[in-house]
Structure formats: structure tokens, C-alpha cells
């Protein structure tokens, strides 16, 4: 578990103010009469979200909630790319022989998508019908609090390699994974000849 460090989420007041300033300066396009979601996000929804983020959202409260989780960061190098600082939440179950679970958020998305199920997954139940899991919930590269690659070509295979290397670094040689359709992959690839 070399080079794995605790991580504290900290967004500066100046960054928050910069976002609020940019949101207050947003210029909105005209919208076609009767436009619905089939033409993109309706202008009324975009304006409502912009107003919320500019005037109502309490980032410091959200940041404090995020920091209640066991956040970590470590460098992972995917073949052919520079090392990336990968953020993840790691919750070890108190249940003996818990199953390691790599929980991957949607695309685009955020590790926070899984927070509601973290406690039930790590607590488990009777061990057979409701097993317990050691939970690893990363921010995918270039999302949330993980760095993104600086060159082209980082695709599905590289995401899978990065997350596999994270699990191996945590000491999990075998694990199960959960992910949305856009992130399901087998790594390393299984070939009929092997």
C-alpha cells in the first residue's frame, strides 16, 4: 500500500467565488418554442441550475460531508501514459472475509453516486444472501478529484487498467466490480486461447 495517502477535499473560497462570478455572467441562448429534452436541456432547467449553483448551493457544507468519508489518493501509471493521482474512497468491512468490490460511478458522474449504498454494502447481512464488501469507490481519471491524462488515447482499456492497478495496489488480487454500461470491461482481456 505504498504511496497511498489520506486525501482531504478542499476547494478554496477564491475558486468558489470565481465559479459564482462566471455563473452570474452567463449569457443564455434563445430557445425554440415548445423545445423539450429532445433538443437538449430546456433553457428553464439550465437557468434554474445556474441560479442554484450561483446563489443557493453551500459547497463548504457539501465538502464537509464528503470529507467524512475515508478519502485517499495514490499515483497509478497506465501503460503509455504519465502517472495520475487517483482519488478513491476505501471502506473496509468489519465482517471477516468480506468480498472486495470495485464500485465504479457512471459517466459522467462522481463517486458520490454510491454514498447511499456504502454502509449497507460494507455491513452486509447473513453472509450468504447478503454478503459484506470491502468497498473501493474511485473517481475515474479526469472526473471528481482524480487527475486526467495529458495526451490522447486514454480510453476504456486504460480506465480498466488504471482501476485494476488500484485494486492490486490495495492488496486485492481478486475482486468483483460494479459499473454502468459505459464502464463495464474485463481487465485483463480474456482471450479464448488462455
Protein backbone atom coordinates (compact mmCIF):
# COMPACT_ATOMS: atom_id res chain seq x y z
CA UNK A 1 0.00 0.00 0.00
CA UNK A 2 2.97 2.22 -0.73
CA UNK A 3 2.32 5.81 -1.68
CA UNK A 4 -1.38 5.75 -0.66
CA UNK A 5 -2.17 8.93 1.25
CA UNK A 6 -5.23 10.26 3.05
CA UNK A 7 -6.93 12.93 0.96
CA UNK A 8 -8.86 15.96 2.17
CA UNK A 9 -11.18 17.67 -0.28
CA UNK A 10 -10.51 21.40 -0.14
CA UNK A 11 -11.86 23.91 -2.63
CA UNK A 12 -10.67 27.42 -1.88
CA UNK A 13 -13.02 30.33 -1.28
CA UNK A 14 -11.47 32.08 -4.28
CA UNK A 15 -12.35 29.12 -6.54
CA UNK A 16 -15.93 29.14 -5.27
CA UNK A 17 -16.19 32.90 -5.80
CA UNK A 18 -14.73 32.53 -9.30
CA UNK A 19 -17.40 29.96 -10.17
CA UNK A 20 -20.17 32.19 -8.78
CA UNK A 21 -18.85 35.14 -10.78
CA UNK A 22 -18.73 33.13 -14.00
CA UNK A 23 -22.24 31.79 -13.38
CA UNK A 24 -23.57 35.31 -12.80
CA UNK A 25 -22.06 36.39 -16.14
CA UNK A 26 -23.60 33.51 -18.12
CA UNK A 27 -25.38 34.50 -21.31
CA UNK A 28 -28.19 32.19 -22.28
CA UNK A 29 -29.29 31.41 -25.85
CA UNK A 30 -32.78 31.75 -27.22
CA UNK A 31 -34.89 28.63 -27.21
CA UNK A 32 -37.24 27.30 -29.85
CA UNK A 33 -40.93 27.38 -28.96
CA UNK A 34 -42.02 24.09 -27.43
CA UNK A 35 -38.46 22.80 -27.03
CA UNK A 36 -38.29 19.75 -24.80
CA UNK A 37 -35.45 17.43 -23.72
CA UNK A 38 -35.20 16.03 -27.26
CA UNK A 39 -33.41 19.28 -28.17
CA UNK A 40 -31.07 19.29 -25.17
CA UNK A 41 -31.57 20.61 -21.68
CA UNK A 42 -34.52 23.03 -21.60
CA UNK A 43 -33.41 26.61 -21.03
CA UNK A 44 -35.58 26.90 -17.90
CA UNK A 45 -33.72 23.93 -16.33
CA UNK A 46 -30.31 25.35 -17.25
CA UNK A 47 -31.26 28.72 -15.74
CA UNK A 48 -32.64 27.06 -12.60
CA UNK A 49 -29.43 25.04 -12.09
CA UNK A 50 -27.25 28.08 -12.79
CA UNK A 51 -29.17 30.11 -10.25
CA UNK A 52 -28.93 27.33 -7.67
CA UNK A 53 -25.15 26.95 -8.04
CA UNK A 54 -24.63 30.72 -8.07
CA UNK A 55 -26.82 31.59 -5.08
CA UNK A 56 -28.01 28.60 -3.05
CA UNK A 57 -25.52 25.72 -3.10
CA UNK A 58 -23.43 25.51 0.08
CA UNK A 59 -20.17 23.99 -1.16
CA UNK A 60 -18.46 24.12 2.26
CA UNK A 61 -21.26 22.03 3.78
CA UNK A 62 -21.03 19.54 0.90
CA UNK A 63 -17.24 19.48 1.25
CA UNK A 64 -17.52 18.67 4.97
CA UNK A 65 -19.90 15.80 4.17
CA UNK A 66 -17.54 14.44 1.50
CA UNK A 67 -14.65 14.61 3.96
CA UNK A 68 -16.49 12.39 6.44
CA UNK A 69 -15.67 9.52 4.07
CA UNK A 70 -12.27 7.80 4.14
CA UNK A 71 -10.78 9.56 1.09
CA UNK A 72 -7.38 8.59 -0.30
CA UNK A 73 -5.18 9.36 -3.29
CA UNK A 74 -2.39 7.41 -4.96
CA UNK A 75 -0.42 7.56 -8.17
CA UNK A 76 -1.24 4.99 -10.82
CA UNK A 77 0.61 4.74 -14.12
CA UNK A 78 -1.24 3.24 -17.03
CA UNK A 79 1.00 1.80 -19.77
CA UNK A 80 1.96 4.54 -22.23
CA UNK A 81 0.72 7.41 -20.06
CA UNK A 82 2.06 9.59 -17.27
CA UNK A 83 1.28 8.69 -13.63
CA UNK A 84 -2.08 10.05 -12.49
CA UNK A 85 -3.17 10.96 -8.97
CA UNK A 86 -6.26 8.79 -8.49
CA UNK A 87 -8.74 9.66 -5.75
CA UNK A 88 -10.81 6.93 -4.11
CA UNK A 89 -12.88 6.12 -1.06
CA UNK A 90 -11.87 2.88 0.69
CA UNK A 91 -14.11 1.38 3.33
CA UNK A 92 -13.06 -1.97 4.79
CA UNK A 93 -15.86 -4.07 6.18
CA UNK A 94 -15.68 -5.27 9.77
CA UNK A 95 -17.03 -8.60 8.51
CA UNK A 96 -14.38 -11.30 8.15
CA UNK A 97 -13.74 -12.43 4.55
CA UNK A 98 -15.67 -9.52 3.05
CA UNK A 99 -15.64 -9.52 -0.74
CA UNK A 100 -13.56 -6.74 -2.35
CA UNK A 101 -15.87 -4.62 -4.53
CA UNK A 102 -14.71 -2.01 -7.03
CA UNK A 103 -17.72 0.32 -7.35
CA UNK A 104 -17.45 2.49 -10.47
CA UNK A 105 -19.56 5.61 -10.89
CA UNK A 106 -21.50 6.48 -14.04
CA UNK A 107 -20.20 8.51 -16.95
CA UNK A 108 -20.10 11.38 -16.48
CA UNK A 109 -20.60 11.16 -12.80
CA UNK A 110 -18.95 11.16 -9.45
CA UNK A 111 -18.03 8.78 -6.63
CA UNK A 112 -20.79 10.41 -4.54
CA UNK A 113 -23.35 8.43 -6.59
CA UNK A 114 -22.59 5.40 -4.41
CA UNK A 115 -22.68 7.02 -0.97
CA UNK A 116 -26.22 5.87 -0.11
CA UNK A 117 -25.31 2.22 -0.51
CA UNK A 118 -21.85 2.27 1.09
CA UNK A 119 -22.99 1.41 4.61
CA UNK A 120 -25.30 -1.49 3.64
CA UNK A 121 -22.63 -2.93 1.33
CA UNK A 122 -19.90 -2.89 3.98
CA UNK A 123 -22.15 -4.11 6.81
CA UNK A 124 -23.63 -6.98 4.83
CA UNK A 125 -26.10 -9.34 6.39
CA UNK A 126 -26.07 -13.07 6.93
CA UNK A 127 -23.00 -13.61 4.75
CA UNK A 128 -24.75 -15.78 2.17
CA UNK A 129 -27.84 -13.98 0.93
CA UNK A 130 -26.43 -10.56 1.79
CA UNK A 131 -22.62 -10.63 1.75
CA UNK A 132 -20.40 -7.85 3.08
CA UNK A 133 -17.92 -5.98 0.91
CA UNK A 134 -14.64 -4.13 1.26
CA UNK A 135 -15.60 -1.14 -0.84
CA UNK A 136 -13.32 0.80 -3.20
CA UNK A 137 -15.04 3.74 -4.89
CA UNK A 138 -12.68 5.70 -7.18
CA UNK A 139 -13.13 8.95 -9.00
CA UNK A 140 -12.48 7.89 -12.59
CA UNK A 141 -9.44 9.55 -14.20
CA UNK A 142 -10.38 13.11 -15.26
CA UNK A 143 -13.50 13.13 -13.04
CA UNK A 144 -14.08 14.36 -9.50
CA UNK A 145 -10.80 14.58 -7.65
CA UNK A 146 -8.69 12.34 -9.92
CA UNK A 147 -6.20 13.74 -12.42
CA UNK A 148 -6.76 13.29 -16.12
CA UNK A 149 -4.25 12.25 -18.79
CA UNK A 150 -2.48 14.95 -20.77
CA UNK A 151 -2.39 13.10 -24.09
CA UNK A 152 -4.89 11.47 -26.42
CA UNK A 153 -5.73 7.79 -26.48
CA UNK A 154 -6.80 7.20 -22.88
CA UNK A 155 -9.89 5.05 -23.48
CA UNK A 156 -11.90 2.22 -21.92
CA UNK A 157 -8.95 -0.20 -21.76
CA UNK A 158 -6.85 2.41 -19.95
CA UNK A 159 -9.61 3.13 -17.43
CA UNK A 160 -9.86 -0.61 -16.73
CA UNK A 161 -6.07 -0.93 -16.41
CA UNK A 162 -5.87 2.03 -14.04
CA UNK A 163 -8.60 0.67 -11.77
CA UNK A 164 -7.15 -2.85 -11.82
CA UNK A 165 -3.77 -1.43 -10.77
CA UNK A 166 -5.51 0.47 -7.97
CA UNK A 167 -7.13 -2.73 -6.67
CA UNK A 168 -3.82 -4.61 -6.88
CA UNK A 169 -2.07 -1.78 -5.03
CA UNK A 170 -4.67 -2.11 -2.25
CA UNK A 171 -3.82 -5.82 -1.98
CA UNK A 172 -6.87 -7.20 -3.77
CA UNK A 173 -5.69 -9.82 -6.27
CA UNK A 174 -9.28 -10.92 -6.84
CA UNK A 175 -12.34 -8.71 -6.64
CA UNK A 176 -15.77 -8.09 -8.08
CA UNK A 177 -16.83 -4.93 -9.83
CA UNK A 178 -19.99 -2.95 -10.41
CA UNK A 179 -20.31 -0.35 -13.14
CA UNK A 180 -22.68 1.25 -15.58
CA UNK A 181 -22.85 0.08 -19.19
CA UNK A 182 -20.24 2.60 -20.30
CA UNK A 183 -17.62 1.32 -17.86
CA UNK A 184 -18.12 -2.44 -17.93
CA UNK A 185 -14.99 -4.14 -19.13
CA UNK A 186 -12.94 -7.21 -18.41
CA UNK A 187 -9.35 -6.50 -17.48
CA UNK A 188 -7.08 -8.05 -18.35
CA UNK A 189 -8.97 -9.09 -21.51
CA UNK A 190 -9.94 -12.76 -21.62
CA UNK A 191 -8.89 -14.49 -24.85
CA UNK A 192 -10.25 -17.87 -25.98
CA UNK A 193 -6.72 -19.25 -26.20
CA UNK A 194 -5.96 -18.62 -22.50
